[in-house]
C-alpha atoms as a PDB file:
ATOM      1  CA  MET A   1      10.257 -13.992  13.592  1.00  0.00           C
ATOM      2  CA  THR A   2      11.009 -11.283  16.158  1.00  0.00           C
ATOM      3  CA  TYR A   3       9.357  -8.644  13.955  1.00  0.00           C
ATOM      4  CA  ASN A   4       6.274 -10.812  13.441  1.00  0.00           C
ATOM      5  CA  THR A   5       5.954 -11.348  17.195  1.00  0.00           C
ATOM      6  CA  GLU A   6       6.125  -7.606  17.844  1.00  0.00           C
ATOM      7  CA  ILE A   7       3.527  -6.882  15.128  1.00  0.00           C
ATOM      8  CA  ILE A   8       1.239  -9.452  16.651  1.00  0.00           C
ATOM      9  CA  ARG A   9       1.587  -7.707  20.019  1.00  0.00           C
ATOM     10  CA  TRP A  10       0.762  -4.317  18.448  1.00  0.00           C
ATOM     11  CA  CYS A  11      -2.313  -5.820  16.763  1.00  0.00           C
ATOM     12  CA  ASN A  12      -3.471  -7.393  20.012  1.00  0.00           C
ATOM     13  CA  ARG A  13      -3.082  -4.099  21.904  1.00  0.00           C
ATOM     14  CA  ALA A  14      -4.961  -2.258  19.174  1.00  0.00           C
ATOM     15  CA  ALA A  15      -7.678  -4.934  19.039  1.00  0.00           C
ATOM     16  CA  VAL A  16      -6.944  -5.704  15.390  1.00  0.00           C
ATOM     17  CA  PRO A  17      -8.335  -9.204  14.804  1.00  0.00           C
ATOM     18  CA  LYS A  18      -6.424  -9.904  11.563  1.00  0.00           C
ATOM     19  CA  HIS A  19      -3.175 -11.833  11.359  1.00  0.00           C
ATOM     20  CA  ILE A  20      -0.556  -9.415  10.147  1.00  0.00           C
ATOM     21  CA  THR A  21       3.022 -10.343   9.255  1.00  0.00           C
ATOM     22  CA  PHE A  22       6.102  -8.200   8.743  1.00  0.00           C
ATOM     23  CA  HIS A  23       5.746  -8.760   5.007  1.00  0.00           C
ATOM     24  CA  SER A  24       2.135  -7.499   4.928  1.00  0.00           C
ATOM     25  CA  ALA A  25       3.034  -4.525   7.122  1.00  0.00           C
ATOM     26  CA  ARG A  26       5.912  -3.655   4.773  1.00  0.00           C
ATOM     27  CA  HIS A  27       3.652  -3.953   1.738  1.00  0.00           C
ATOM     28  CA  THR A  28       0.985  -1.735   3.386  1.00  0.00           C
ATOM     29  CA  ASN A  29       3.613   0.863   4.272  1.00  0.00           C
ATOM     30  CA  ALA A  30       4.858   1.008   0.645  1.00  0.00           C
ATOM     31  CA  VAL A  31       1.377   1.359  -0.792  1.00  0.00           C
ATOM     32  CA  LEU A  32       0.394   4.058   1.739  1.00  0.00           C
ATOM     33  CA  LEU A  33       3.539   6.024   1.003  1.00  0.00           C
ATOM     34  CA  LEU A  34       2.809   5.970  -2.749  1.00  0.00           C
ATOM     35  CA  GLU A  35      -0.892   6.776  -2.289  1.00  0.00           C
ATOM     36  CA  ASN A  36       0.040   9.760  -0.215  1.00  0.00           C
ATOM     37  CA  GLY A  37       2.497  11.247  -2.699  1.00  0.00           C
ATOM     38  CA  ALA A  38       5.935   9.762  -1.922  1.00  0.00           C
ATOM     39  CA  ASP A  39       7.980   9.384  -5.024  1.00  0.00           C
ATOM     40  CA  ILE A  40       8.794   5.833  -6.158  1.00  0.00           C
ATOM     41  CA  TYR A  41      12.548   6.352  -5.836  1.00  0.00           C
ATOM     42  CA  THR A  42      12.270   7.256  -2.168  1.00  0.00           C
ATOM     43  CA  VAL A  43       9.957   4.318  -1.491  1.00  0.00           C
ATOM     44  CA  SER A  44      12.406   2.012  -3.323  1.00  0.00           C
ATOM     45  CA  LYS A  45      15.301   3.143  -1.148  1.00  0.00           C
ATOM     46  CA  ARG A  46      13.219   2.890   2.009  1.00  0.00           C
ATOM     47  CA  LEU A  47      12.366  -0.744   1.183  1.00  0.00           C
ATOM     48  CA  GLY A  48      15.947  -1.494   0.267  1.00  0.00           C
ATOM     49  CA  HIS A  49      15.219  -2.580  -3.275  1.00  0.00           C
ATOM     50  CA  ARG A  50      18.146  -2.841  -5.600  1.00  0.00           C
ATOM     51  CA  GLU A  51      15.996  -2.390  -8.687  1.00  0.00           C
ATOM     52  CA  LEU A  52      13.398   0.321  -9.119  1.00  0.00           C
ATOM     53  CA  ARG A  53      11.483  -2.303 -11.127  1.00  0.00           C
ATOM     54  CA  THR A  54      10.753  -4.214  -7.926  1.00  0.00           C
ATOM     55  CA  THR A  55       9.110  -1.165  -6.330  1.00  0.00           C
ATOM     56  CA  GLN A  56       7.021  -0.500  -9.468  1.00  0.00           C
ATOM     57  CA  ILE A  57       4.873  -3.489  -8.455  1.00  0.00           C
ATOM     58  CA  TYR A  58       3.520  -1.355  -5.582  1.00  0.00           C
ATOM     59  CA  ALA A  59       2.958   1.614  -8.008  1.00  0.00           C
ATOM     60  CA  LYS A  60       0.823  -0.670 -10.224  1.00  0.00           C
ATOM     61  CA  ILE A  61      -1.417  -1.447  -7.193  1.00  0.00           C
ATOM     62  CA  VAL A  62      -1.817   2.245  -6.541  1.00  0.00           C
ATOM     63  CA  ASP A  63      -2.655   2.868 -10.262  1.00  0.00           C
ATOM     64  CA  SER A  64      -5.268   0.120 -10.279  1.00  0.00           C
ATOM     65  CA  LYS A  65      -6.846   1.565  -7.086  1.00  0.00           C
ATOM     66  CA  MET A  66      -7.100   5.015  -8.759  1.00  0.00           C
ATOM     67  CA  LYS A  67      -8.841   3.443 -11.770  1.00  0.00           C
ATOM     68  CA  GLU A  68     -11.305   1.651  -9.439  1.00  0.00           C
ATOM     69  CA  ALA A  69     -12.030   4.917  -7.650  1.00  0.00           C
ATOM     70  CA  ALA A  70     -12.685   6.753 -10.914  1.00  0.00           C
ATOM     71  CA  GLU A  71     -15.168   4.013 -11.924  1.00  0.00           C
ATOM     72  CA  ILE A  72     -17.220   4.654  -8.778  1.00  0.00           C
ATOM     73  CA  ILE A  73     -18.395   7.965 -10.173  1.00  0.00           C
ATOM     74  CA  PRO A  74     -21.740   7.358 -11.900  1.00  0.00           C
ATOM     75  CA  GLU A  75     -22.160   8.250 -15.560  1.00  0.00           C
ATOM     76  CA  LEU A  76     -24.117  11.456 -16.009  1.00  0.00           C
ATOM     77  CA  ASN A  77     -26.509  11.750 -18.931  1.00  0.00           C
ATOM     78  CA  ILE A  78     -26.669  15.471 -19.549  1.00  0.00           C
ATOM     79  CA  GLU A  79     -28.526  16.801 -22.537  1.00  0.00           C
ATOM     80  CA  LEU A  80     -27.531  20.222 -23.787  1.00  0.00           C
END
């Protein structure tokens, strides 16, 4: 509860209109770390997960985002 209250204060000061909880901030932090090259073991330890398998959920999100990004590129029809 204390963490959520502080996060709400930060959001208000930053004029962020969304409702953000400690859990969503923690999730965002994990995904951002993985997207920016942190290894999954380090992220797992940072989150305090006992099982690496728990952290792999975040890695799957990053993998799906990479696939989505690759699909944005239009198909080129080049004749040789």
